[in-house]
C-alpha atoms as a PDB file:
ATOM      1  CA  MET A   1       0.000   0.000   0.000  1.00  0.00           C
ATOM      2  CA  LEU A   2       1.324   3.416  -0.953  1.00  0.00           C
ATOM      3  CA  CYS A   3       1.722   5.882   1.860  1.00  0.00           C
ATOM      4  CA  ALA A   4       3.170   9.011   0.293  1.00  0.00           C
ATOM      5  CA  GLN A   5       2.961  12.723   0.880  1.00  0.00           C
ATOM      6  CA  VAL A   6       3.934  15.429  -1.577  1.00  0.00           C
ATOM      7  CA  VAL A   7       6.295  17.783   0.219  1.00  0.00           C
ATOM      8  CA  GLY A   8       7.160  20.120  -2.620  1.00  0.00           C
ATOM      9  CA  GLU A   9       7.355  20.922  -6.280  1.00  0.00           C
ATOM     10  CA  ALA A  10       9.539  23.169  -8.381  1.00  0.00           C
ATOM     11  CA  ALA A  11       9.988  24.133 -12.012  1.00  0.00           C
ATOM     12  CA  THR A  12      13.683  24.980 -12.324  1.00  0.00           C
ATOM     13  CA  PRO A  13      16.704  22.805 -11.545  1.00  0.00           C
ATOM     14  CA  GLN A  14      17.945  25.247  -8.907  1.00  0.00           C
ATOM     15  CA  ALA A  15      14.576  25.393  -7.139  1.00  0.00           C
ATOM     16  CA  CYS A  16      14.321  21.593  -7.267  1.00  0.00           C
ATOM     17  CA  ILE A  17      17.755  21.106  -5.734  1.00  0.00           C
ATOM     18  CA  ALA A  18      17.129  23.670  -2.988  1.00  0.00           C
ATOM     19  CA  GLY A  19      13.712  22.235  -2.143  1.00  0.00           C
ATOM     20  CA  ILE A  20      14.893  18.633  -2.097  1.00  0.00           C
ATOM     21  CA  LEU A  21      17.900  19.380   0.090  1.00  0.00           C
ATOM     22  CA  ALA A  22      15.715  21.433   2.461  1.00  0.00           C
ATOM     23  CA  THR A  23      13.016  18.772   2.878  1.00  0.00           C
ATOM     24  CA  HIS A  24      15.031  15.524   2.546  1.00  0.00           C
ATOM     25  CA  PRO A  25      12.245  13.407   1.004  1.00  0.00           C
ATOM     26  CA  ASP A  26      12.595   9.638   0.729  1.00  0.00           C
ATOM     27  CA  VAL A  27      11.721   9.687  -2.985  1.00  0.00           C
ATOM     28  CA  VAL A  28      11.710  12.376  -5.684  1.00  0.00           C
ATOM     29  CA  VAL A  29       9.588  12.092  -8.825  1.00  0.00           C
ATOM     30  CA  LEU A  30      11.564  13.979 -11.459  1.00  0.00           C
ATOM     31  CA  ASP A  31      10.927  15.006 -15.054  1.00  0.00           C
ATOM     32  CA  VAL A  32      13.669  15.174 -17.677  1.00  0.00           C
ATOM     33  CA  GLN A  33      12.646  18.591 -18.999  1.00  0.00           C
ATOM     34  CA  LEU A  34      12.572  21.446 -16.503  1.00  0.00           C
ATOM     35  CA  GLU A  35      12.222  25.181 -16.961  1.00  0.00           C
ATOM     36  CA  GLY A  36      15.701  26.439 -17.813  1.00  0.00           C
ATOM     37  CA  GLY A  37      17.432  23.074 -17.560  1.00  0.00           C
ATOM     38  CA  GLN A  38      17.204  19.331 -17.209  1.00  0.00           C
ATOM     39  CA  GLY A  39      16.363  16.931 -14.436  1.00  0.00           C
ATOM     40  CA  LEU A  40      19.770  15.298 -14.786  1.00  0.00           C
ATOM     41  CA  GLU A  41      21.327  18.366 -13.157  1.00  0.00           C
ATOM     42  CA  VAL A  42      18.999  17.840 -10.172  1.00  0.00           C
ATOM     43  CA  LEU A  43      19.658  14.115  -9.968  1.00  0.00           C
ATOM     44  CA  LEU A  44      23.437  14.526 -10.025  1.00  0.00           C
ATOM     45  CA  ALA A  45      23.516  17.387  -7.505  1.00  0.00           C
ATOM     46  CA  VAL A  46      21.174  15.749  -5.016  1.00  0.00           C
ATOM     47  CA  ARG A  47      22.675  12.260  -5.287  1.00  0.00           C
ATOM     48  CA  SER A  48      26.087  13.819  -4.637  1.00  0.00           C
ATOM     49  CA  ALA A  49      24.879  15.678  -1.530  1.00  0.00           C
ATOM     50  CA  GLU A  50      22.273  13.164  -0.260  1.00  0.00           C
ATOM     51  CA  PRO A  51      22.780   9.706  -1.807  1.00  0.00           C
ATOM     52  CA  SER A  52      20.001   8.202   0.318  1.00  0.00           C
ATOM     53  CA  ILE A  53      17.288  10.081  -1.611  1.00  0.00           C
ATOM     54  CA  ALA A  54      15.729   7.882  -4.308  1.00  0.00           C
ATOM     55  CA  PHE A  55      14.639   9.180  -7.710  1.00  0.00           C
ATOM     56  CA  VAL A  56      11.871   7.978 -10.002  1.00  0.00           C
ATOM     57  CA  VAL A  57      12.040   9.715 -13.378  1.00  0.00           C
ATOM     58  CA  PHE A  58       8.609  10.245 -14.937  1.00  0.00           C
ATOM     59  CA  SER A  59       8.767  11.933 -18.316  1.00  0.00           C
ATOM     60  CA  ASN A  60       7.485  12.260 -21.863  1.00  0.00           C
ATOM     61  CA  SER A  61      11.150  12.444 -22.908  1.00  0.00           C
ATOM     62  CA  SER A  62      11.624   8.712 -22.639  1.00  0.00           C
ATOM     63  CA  GLY A  63      14.011   7.776 -25.423  1.00  0.00           C
ATOM     64  CA  ALA A  64      16.651   5.127 -24.825  1.00  0.00           C
ATOM     65  CA  ALA A  65      19.431   7.705 -24.433  1.00  0.00           C
ATOM     66  CA  TYR A  66      17.538   9.528 -21.659  1.00  0.00           C
ATOM     67  CA  ARG A  67      16.664   6.274 -19.925  1.00  0.00           C
ATOM     68  CA  LYS A  68      20.275   5.079 -20.006  1.00  0.00           C
ATOM     69  CA  ARG A  69      21.649   8.416 -18.798  1.00  0.00           C
ATOM     70  CA  TYR A  70      19.249   8.765 -15.853  1.00  0.00           C
ATOM     71  CA  LEU A  71      19.425   5.159 -14.716  1.00  0.00           C
ATOM     72  CA  GLY A  72      23.216   5.308 -15.016  1.00  0.00           C
ATOM     73  CA  ALA A  73      23.228   8.419 -12.806  1.00  0.00           C
ATOM     74  CA  GLY A  74      21.351   6.579 -10.068  1.00  0.00           C
ATOM     75  CA  ALA A  75      17.618   6.850 -10.717  1.00  0.00           C
ATOM     76  CA  ALA A  76      15.733   3.885  -9.265  1.00  0.00           C
ATOM     77  CA  ARG A  77      13.200   3.807 -12.132  1.00  0.00           C
ATOM     78  CA  PHE A  78      12.509   5.592 -15.406  1.00  0.00           C
ATOM     79  CA  LEU A  79       8.864   5.701 -16.483  1.00  0.00           C
ATOM     80  CA  ASP A  80       7.238   7.029 -19.651  1.00  0.00           C
ATOM     81  CA  LYS A  81       4.309   9.360 -18.860  1.00  0.00           C
ATOM     82  CA  SER A  82       2.429   8.241 -21.967  1.00  0.00           C
ATOM     83  CA  ARG A  83       2.385   4.541 -21.118  1.00  0.00           C
ATOM     84  CA  ASP A  84       3.592   3.902 -17.552  1.00  0.00           C
ATOM     85  CA  PHE A  85       1.280   6.141 -15.515  1.00  0.00           C
ATOM     86  CA  GLU A  86      -0.278   3.155 -13.723  1.00  0.00           C
ATOM     87  CA  GLN A  87       3.175   2.087 -12.518  1.00  0.00           C
ATOM     88  CA  LEU A  88       4.092   5.389 -10.852  1.00  0.00           C
ATOM     89  CA  ALA A  89       2.657   4.700  -7.387  1.00  0.00           C
ATOM     90  CA  ASP A  90       4.277   1.260  -7.226  1.00  0.00           C
ATOM     91  CA  ALA A  91       7.602   2.660  -8.446  1.00  0.00           C
ATOM     92  CA  VAL A  92       7.588   5.408  -5.793  1.00  0.00           C
ATOM     93  CA  ASN A  93       6.645   2.923  -3.083  1.00  0.00           C
ATOM     94  CA  ALA A  94       9.348   0.449  -4.135  1.00  0.00           C
ATOM     95  CA  ALA A  95      11.999   3.160  -4.356  1.00  0.00           C
ATOM     96  CA  GLY A  96      11.046   4.432  -0.905  1.00  0.00           C
ATOM     97  CA  GLN A  97      11.163   0.969   0.626  1.00  0.00           C
ATOM     98  CA  HIS A  98      14.521   0.246  -0.996  1.00  0.00           C
ATOM     99  CA  GLN A  99      15.999   3.513   0.261  1.00  0.00           C
ATOM    100  CA  SER A 100      14.616   2.894   3.756  1.00  0.00           C
ATOM    101  CA  THR A 101      16.186  -0.555   3.847  1.00  0.00           C
ATOM    102  CA  ALA A 102      19.481   0.766   2.446  1.00  0.00           C
ATOM    103  CA  SER A 103      19.729   3.527   5.056  1.00  0.00           C
ATOM    104  CA  GLN A 104      18.995   1.035   7.845  1.00  0.00           C
ATOM    105  CA  ASP A 105      21.784  -1.163   6.518  1.00  0.00           C
ATOM    106  CA  THR A 106      24.302   1.708   6.761  1.00  0.00           C
ATOM    107  CA  GLN A 107      23.441   2.688  10.341  1.00  0.00           C
END
């Protein structure tokens, strides 16, 4: 069962990074295309500062090159908005559970 709460949203990479680092969510749902930049900038900056935060990429920009780049940078899942909408809740839940287990393992 999904138990999630939205703690923020932002349009630009800089606002995303600041908001994520201020709120420390378990999971971030991230788009590839952001106002004035790309989600990859957010993923790399946050994973560098807070590696315990999980990312699920949810985007219309779902070509193989994007998928490979984001998964290679540490995203837990990469979903296509046009066909994977039904999988989003499960992906967020799984990413959150994985991150929770991983942080317990490192304590």
